[in-house]
Amino acid sequence: MQVFNKEVIQKKKEENWFMPIFYQLCTDLRTLAKKVDDMTVKEDDDEGETETTYYEQSASYIMEAFRACVSDVRNDPGTSKKVAILNMTNQLFRIYFKINKLNLLKPLIRAVENAQQSGLYDSFSMADKVSFNYFLGRKAMFDAKLALAESSLLYAFRNCPPEYVENKRRILIYLIPVKMFLGQMPKKELLHKYELDQFVQIVEAVRIGNVKKLDEALWRDEAFFIQCGIYLMLEKLRAIAFRKLFKFCSVLMENHMIHLDVFLTALRLQNVTDIDCDELECIIANLIYDGRIKGYLSHQHKKLVLSKKEAFPPLSSIYM
């Protein structure tokens, strides 16, 4: 990789015909490094420090070539090395996600944004655009930037060819939680089509505001959600389930002033017995602070006083 970077990328300044070869070289380097790591048994030294993996080292070689391409002053797709920016960004995305160093993604994203402004983005392949938006959406989800996560993952899903069913399934694994936080529940037909039945009970629990059922669904498929890296994200859906339950209670009571005992009774009917009045106040206070409920708590009277206008605003409006 270093030889190719020095002898080809940096010396052939007016040419970029060799970029497809370079893409394959990056892929092979990354794949080989991963396989070597898988076959190597690592032992910590006496000081307990962990050695840098070959996979991580491969990122430094790719990044070195990435900098050489980004520094090219030409913007003509026929000669500029910048046409490699998106492919190399995706290569580095894969590595940094694997080694959990998402903080290193910012300069890569900035380089792609600059390419979009220069008009070079149109010369990138659709496959690279889909991959980039998939990774960008995942990062935005972890950063709680749900509007960006939704638009990026939705772009990736819509532009991924229908024959790549497994890739579309991977995109949905992250798009579904984002959509749920924005108040949009996926249909069972979609979940069955892409073999994502692990989400069926979770969607149903959030839809009806059943906190107990949500906890049970998370526990049942805990291993799958942890492996996908979305377990903590799904745990936060408890807030959405609480909100839904409180909304049902407010509709039944037909009053904008609701005693906290009403909510506690509703939770007891779901067999949720580990929440007392103090914890309930904390849950409601957080929902108010996040803008998911409009109103205020009267601690003295143990009541939730809801706004008379749109007490439960659309979840999508909170993240826009």
Protein backbone atom coordinates (compact mmCIF):
# COMPACT_ATOMS: atom_id res chain seq x y z
CA MET A 1 0.00 0.00 0.00
CA GLN A 2 2.77 2.44 0.92
CA VAL A 3 4.65 1.67 -2.31
CA PHE A 4 1.49 2.16 -4.40
CA ASN A 5 0.81 5.44 -2.65
CA LYS A 6 4.34 6.75 -3.16
CA GLU A 7 5.07 5.43 -6.66
CA VAL A 8 1.65 5.73 -8.29
CA ILE A 9 -0.77 8.04 -6.48
CA GLN A 10 1.75 10.76 -5.65
CA LYS A 11 3.84 10.57 -8.84
CA LYS A 12 1.16 10.20 -11.53
CA LYS A 13 -0.34 13.62 -10.90
CA GLU A 14 -2.36 13.97 -14.12
CA GLU A 15 -3.89 10.47 -14.10
CA ASN A 16 -6.42 8.49 -12.07
CA TRP A 17 -7.15 5.49 -14.33
CA PHE A 18 -5.62 3.18 -11.72
CA MET A 19 -8.19 4.01 -9.01
CA PRO A 20 -10.22 0.76 -9.43
CA ILE A 21 -6.98 -1.16 -8.78
CA PHE A 22 -6.37 1.00 -5.74
CA TYR A 23 -9.89 0.32 -4.39
CA GLN A 24 -9.31 -3.42 -4.63
CA LEU A 25 -5.92 -3.04 -2.96
CA CYS A 26 -7.53 -1.25 -0.01
CA THR A 27 -10.21 -3.92 0.27
CA ASP A 28 -7.68 -6.75 0.14
CA LEU A 29 -5.47 -5.06 2.74
CA ARG A 30 -8.39 -4.56 5.12
CA THR A 31 -9.71 -8.10 4.62
CA LEU A 32 -6.29 -9.71 5.02
CA ALA A 33 -5.54 -7.69 8.16
CA LYS A 34 -8.84 -8.82 9.69
CA LYS A 35 -8.13 -12.48 8.91
CA VAL A 36 -4.63 -12.27 10.40
CA ASP A 37 -6.07 -10.76 13.58
CA ASP A 38 -8.65 -13.55 13.77
CA MET A 39 -5.92 -16.18 13.52
CA THR A 40 -3.54 -14.49 15.94
CA VAL A 41 -3.80 -15.16 19.64
CA LYS A 42 -2.95 -11.93 21.43
CA GLU A 43 -1.64 -11.78 24.96
CA ASP A 44 -1.35 -8.67 27.07
CA ASP A 45 2.15 -7.73 28.16
CA ASP A 46 3.22 -7.31 31.79
CA GLU A 47 1.89 -3.75 31.91
CA GLY A 48 -1.51 -4.85 30.65
CA GLU A 49 -1.32 -2.84 27.42
CA THR A 50 -3.04 -4.16 24.32
CA GLU A 51 -1.10 -4.33 21.08
CA THR A 52 -2.34 -2.45 18.05
CA THR A 53 -4.14 -4.88 15.76
CA TYR A 54 -3.24 -5.42 12.11
CA TYR A 55 -6.75 -4.25 11.27
CA GLU A 56 -6.09 -0.95 13.01
CA GLN A 57 -2.70 -0.64 11.32
CA SER A 58 -4.33 -1.10 7.92
CA ALA A 59 -6.36 2.04 8.63
CA SER A 60 -3.19 4.11 8.99
CA TYR A 61 -1.94 2.99 5.56
CA ILE A 62 -5.30 3.74 3.93
CA MET A 63 -5.47 7.10 5.72
CA GLU A 64 -2.03 8.00 4.39
CA ALA A 65 -3.25 7.43 0.83
CA PHE A 66 -6.52 9.21 1.67
CA ARG A 67 -4.63 12.38 2.59
CA ALA A 68 -2.71 12.24 -0.69
CA CYS A 69 -5.98 12.04 -2.64
CA VAL A 70 -7.71 14.80 -0.67
CA SER A 71 -4.77 17.16 -1.22
CA ASP A 72 -5.13 16.91 -5.02
CA VAL A 73 -6.03 20.42 -6.23
CA ARG A 74 -7.79 19.17 -9.39
CA ASN A 75 -11.57 18.77 -9.46
CA ASP A 76 -11.91 17.22 -12.92
CA PRO A 77 -13.27 13.66 -12.42
CA GLY A 78 -11.13 12.50 -15.34
CA THR A 79 -7.82 13.32 -13.65
CA SER A 80 -8.44 14.14 -9.98
CA LYS A 81 -7.49 11.69 -7.23
CA LYS A 82 -10.41 13.08 -5.24
CA VAL A 83 -12.70 10.61 -7.01
CA ALA A 84 -11.35 8.07 -4.49
CA ILE A 85 -12.53 10.02 -1.45
CA LEU A 86 -15.88 8.28 -0.97
CA ASN A 87 -14.60 4.74 -1.54
CA MET A 88 -11.71 5.26 0.87
CA THR A 89 -14.01 6.90 3.41
CA ASN A 90 -16.18 3.79 3.36
CA GLN A 91 -13.10 1.59 3.80
CA LEU A 92 -12.09 3.61 6.86
CA PHE A 93 -15.68 3.70 8.15
CA ARG A 94 -15.70 -0.11 8.24
CA ILE A 95 -12.47 -0.21 10.23
CA TYR A 96 -13.31 2.56 12.69
CA PHE A 97 -16.75 1.12 13.42
CA LYS A 98 -15.14 -2.27 14.05
CA ILE A 99 -12.50 -0.92 16.44
CA ASN A 100 -14.98 1.52 18.01
CA LYS A 101 -13.16 4.75 17.18
CA LEU A 102 -16.04 6.82 15.86
CA ASN A 103 -14.29 10.05 16.87
CA LEU A 104 -11.95 9.55 13.89
CA LEU A 105 -14.84 9.80 11.42
CA LYS A 106 -15.29 13.59 11.57
CA PRO A 107 -12.49 14.57 9.13
CA LEU A 108 -13.68 11.89 6.70
CA ILE A 109 -17.23 13.22 6.74
CA ARG A 110 -15.93 16.76 6.29
CA ALA A 111 -13.94 15.71 3.21
CA VAL A 112 -17.06 14.18 1.64
CA GLU A 113 -19.08 17.32 2.43
CA ASN A 114 -16.42 19.41 0.67
CA ALA A 115 -16.67 17.08 -2.33
CA GLN A 116 -20.44 17.64 -2.39
CA GLN A 117 -19.93 21.40 -2.51
CA SER A 118 -17.39 21.14 -5.34
CA GLY A 119 -19.75 19.07 -7.50
CA LEU A 120 -17.42 16.07 -7.46
CA TYR A 121 -19.99 14.04 -5.51
CA ASP A 122 -21.93 13.28 -8.71
CA SER A 123 -18.97 11.31 -10.06
CA PHE A 124 -19.06 8.83 -7.16
CA SER A 125 -20.70 5.46 -7.74
CA MET A 126 -24.16 4.76 -6.31
CA ALA A 127 -22.74 1.76 -4.43
CA ASP A 128 -20.32 4.05 -2.58
CA LYS A 129 -23.07 6.60 -1.90
CA VAL A 130 -25.30 3.90 -0.40
CA SER A 131 -22.47 2.61 1.81
CA PHE A 132 -21.55 6.12 2.94
CA ASN A 133 -25.13 7.00 3.89
CA TYR A 134 -25.48 3.70 5.74
CA PHE A 135 -22.45 4.42 7.92
CA LEU A 136 -23.31 8.11 8.25
CA GLY A 137 -26.81 7.16 9.42
CA ARG A 138 -25.43 4.75 12.00
CA LYS A 139 -23.08 7.38 13.40
CA ALA A 140 -25.86 9.99 13.48
CA MET A 141 -28.06 7.53 15.37
CA PHE A 142 -25.40 7.02 18.05
CA ASP A 143 -24.96 10.82 18.23
CA ALA A 144 -28.75 11.24 18.74
CA LYS A 145 -29.01 13.23 15.49
CA LEU A 146 -32.17 11.41 14.48
CA ALA A 147 -33.20 13.65 11.57
CA LEU A 148 -29.83 13.09 9.88
CA ALA A 149 -29.92 9.39 10.76
CA GLU A 150 -33.35 9.00 9.20
CA SER A 151 -32.51 10.82 5.95
CA SER A 152 -29.19 8.98 5.53
CA LEU A 153 -30.50 5.48 6.26
CA LEU A 154 -33.61 6.08 4.18
CA TYR A 155 -31.42 7.13 1.24
CA ALA A 156 -29.33 3.99 1.66
CA PHE A 157 -32.41 1.73 1.86
CA ARG A 158 -34.19 3.25 -1.14
CA ASN A 159 -31.11 3.20 -3.37
CA CYS A 160 -29.90 -0.26 -2.40
CA PRO A 161 -30.90 -2.63 -5.27
CA PRO A 162 -33.79 -4.97 -4.31
CA GLU A 163 -31.73 -8.08 -5.06
CA TYR A 164 -29.34 -7.20 -2.21
CA VAL A 165 -31.81 -8.37 0.44
CA GLU A 166 -29.20 -8.90 3.17
CA ASN A 167 -27.84 -5.36 2.73
CA LYS A 168 -31.33 -3.87 2.92
CA ARG A 169 -31.92 -5.92 6.07
CA ARG A 170 -28.77 -4.48 7.67
CA ILE A 171 -29.93 -0.96 6.88
CA LEU A 172 -33.35 -1.65 8.41
CA ILE A 173 -31.79 -2.86 11.67
CA TYR A 174 -30.76 0.77 12.31
CA LEU A 175 -33.52 2.56 10.41
CA ILE A 176 -36.32 0.88 12.39
CA PRO A 177 -35.23 2.20 15.85
CA VAL A 178 -34.71 5.68 14.38
CA LYS A 179 -38.19 5.66 12.83
CA MET A 180 -39.70 4.47 16.11
CA PHE A 181 -38.11 7.36 18.00
CA LEU A 182 -39.70 9.66 15.44
CA GLY A 183 -43.11 8.08 16.09
CA GLN A 184 -43.29 5.90 12.96
CA MET A 185 -43.87 2.20 13.58
CA PRO A 186 -42.91 -0.36 10.91
CA LYS A 187 -45.54 -2.78 9.62
CA LYS A 188 -45.37 -6.48 10.40
CA GLU A 189 -45.22 -7.28 6.69
CA LEU A 190 -41.96 -5.36 6.36
CA LEU A 191 -40.44 -7.08 9.40
CA HIS A 192 -41.44 -10.54 8.15
CA LYS A 193 -40.15 -9.81 4.64
CA TYR A 194 -36.65 -9.02 5.90
CA GLU A 195 -36.65 -11.63 8.69
CA LEU A 196 -36.60 -9.06 11.47
CA ASP A 197 -39.23 -10.69 13.67
CA GLN A 198 -37.16 -9.70 16.72
CA PHE A 199 -38.73 -6.24 16.37
CA VAL A 200 -42.37 -7.37 16.19
CA GLN A 201 -43.05 -7.49 19.94
CA ILE A 202 -41.02 -4.33 20.55
CA VAL A 203 -43.03 -2.39 17.98
CA GLU A 204 -46.30 -3.67 19.42
CA ALA A 205 -45.26 -2.82 23.00
CA VAL A 206 -44.29 0.75 22.11
CA ARG A 207 -47.42 1.20 19.99
CA ILE A 208 -49.75 0.36 22.91
CA GLY A 209 -47.55 1.84 25.65
CA ASN A 210 -46.92 -1.46 27.44
CA VAL A 211 -43.66 -1.01 29.37
CA LYS A 212 -43.66 -4.55 30.79
CA LYS A 213 -44.11 -6.11 27.37
CA LEU A 214 -41.28 -3.96 26.00
CA ASP A 215 -38.89 -5.08 28.75
CA GLU A 216 -39.76 -8.73 28.09
CA ALA A 217 -39.21 -8.33 24.33
CA LEU A 218 -35.81 -6.71 24.90
CA TRP A 219 -34.79 -9.48 27.28
CA ARG A 220 -35.95 -12.22 24.88
CA ASP A 221 -33.74 -11.08 21.97
CA GLU A 222 -31.07 -9.33 24.01
CA ALA A 223 -28.18 -11.21 22.34
CA PHE A 224 -29.30 -10.20 18.84
CA PHE A 225 -29.70 -6.53 19.73
CA ILE A 226 -26.34 -6.40 21.53
CA GLN A 227 -24.63 -8.01 18.55
CA CYS A 228 -26.16 -5.36 16.27
CA GLY A 229 -25.09 -2.60 18.67
CA ILE A 230 -28.60 -1.21 19.16
CA TYR A 231 -29.60 -2.62 22.55
CA LEU A 232 -29.00 0.62 24.47
CA MET A 233 -30.84 2.54 21.76
CA LEU A 234 -33.85 0.24 22.05
CA GLU A 235 -33.79 0.50 25.84
CA LYS A 236 -34.43 4.23 25.45
CA LEU A 237 -37.73 3.36 23.76
CA ARG A 238 -39.08 2.90 27.30
CA ALA A 239 -39.52 6.68 27.35
CA ILE A 240 -41.68 6.49 24.22
CA ALA A 241 -43.72 3.65 25.76
CA PHE A 242 -44.24 5.65 28.97
CA ARG A 243 -45.32 8.66 26.91
CA LYS A 244 -47.84 6.55 24.99
CA LEU A 245 -49.27 5.13 28.21
CA PHE A 246 -49.58 8.59 29.78
CA LYS A 247 -51.30 9.85 26.63
CA PHE A 248 -53.86 7.03 26.84
CA CYS A 249 -54.49 7.93 30.48
CA SER A 250 -55.03 11.60 29.66
CA VAL A 251 -57.55 10.69 26.96
CA LEU A 252 -59.47 8.43 29.35
CA MET A 253 -59.50 11.01 32.15
CA GLU A 254 -60.62 13.81 29.80
CA ASN A 255 -58.79 16.29 32.00
CA HIS A 256 -55.57 18.25 31.66
CA MET A 257 -54.83 17.82 35.39
CA ILE A 258 -54.09 14.19 36.18
CA HIS A 259 -53.16 12.74 39.55
CA LEU A 260 -50.01 10.62 39.51
CA ASP A 261 -51.94 7.73 41.08
CA VAL A 262 -53.70 7.31 37.72
CA PHE A 263 -50.38 6.58 36.02
CA LEU A 264 -49.24 4.30 38.84
CA THR A 265 -52.48 2.33 38.57
CA ALA A 266 -52.00 1.95 34.82
CA LEU A 267 -48.47 0.65 35.41
CA ARG A 268 -49.69 -1.80 38.06
CA LEU A 269 -52.22 -3.17 35.55
CA GLN A 270 -49.22 -3.96 33.32
CA ASN A 271 -47.53 -5.75 36.26
CA VAL A 272 -44.91 -3.01 36.55
CA THR A 273 -44.36 -3.00 40.31
CA ASP A 274 -40.84 -1.57 40.65
CA ILE A 275 -41.78 2.08 40.02
CA ASP A 276 -42.88 4.24 42.94
CA CYS A 277 -44.25 7.79 42.94
CA ASP A 278 -40.81 9.43 43.18
CA GLU A 279 -39.45 7.50 40.20
CA LEU A 280 -42.63 8.24 38.26
CA GLU A 281 -42.08 11.95 38.84
CA CYS A 282 -38.53 11.60 37.48
CA ILE A 283 -39.81 9.82 34.36
CA ILE A 284 -42.43 12.50 33.71
CA ALA A 285 -39.94 15.31 34.42
CA ASN A 286 -37.53 13.86 31.83
CA LEU A 287 -40.32 13.59 29.25
CA ILE A 288 -41.21 17.23 29.86
CA TYR A 289 -37.56 18.30 29.67
CA ASP A 290 -37.09 16.44 26.36
CA GLY A 291 -40.17 18.15 24.92
CA ARG A 292 -42.13 14.91 24.54
CA ILE A 293 -44.82 16.18 26.91
CA LYS A 294 -45.92 19.81 27.29
CA GLY A 295 -46.89 20.69 30.83
CA TYR A 296 -45.50 20.77 34.34
CA LEU A 297 -45.48 18.71 37.53
CA SER A 298 -47.19 19.88 40.68
CA HIS A 299 -45.14 18.11 43.32
CA GLN A 300 -47.27 19.45 46.16
CA HIS A 301 -50.52 18.10 44.70
CA LYS A 302 -48.93 15.05 43.02
CA LYS A 303 -50.42 16.00 39.67
CA LEU A 304 -49.31 16.37 36.07
CA VAL A 305 -50.73 19.54 34.56
CA LEU A 306 -50.83 19.18 30.78
CA SER A 307 -50.82 21.98 28.25
CA LYS A 308 -54.29 22.58 26.82
CA LYS A 309 -52.75 22.83 23.36
CA GLU A 310 -50.87 19.85 21.90
CA ALA A 311 -49.79 18.33 25.21
CA PHE A 312 -48.22 15.41 23.32
CA PRO A 313 -46.51 16.97 20.27
CA PRO A 314 -45.51 14.77 17.30
CA LEU A 315 -42.22 13.05 18.09
CA SER A 316 -40.84 13.96 14.67
CA SER A 317 -41.12 17.68 15.51
CA ILE A 318 -38.79 17.29 18.51
CA TYR A 319 -35.75 16.28 16.46
CA MET A 320 -36.16 18.62 13.49
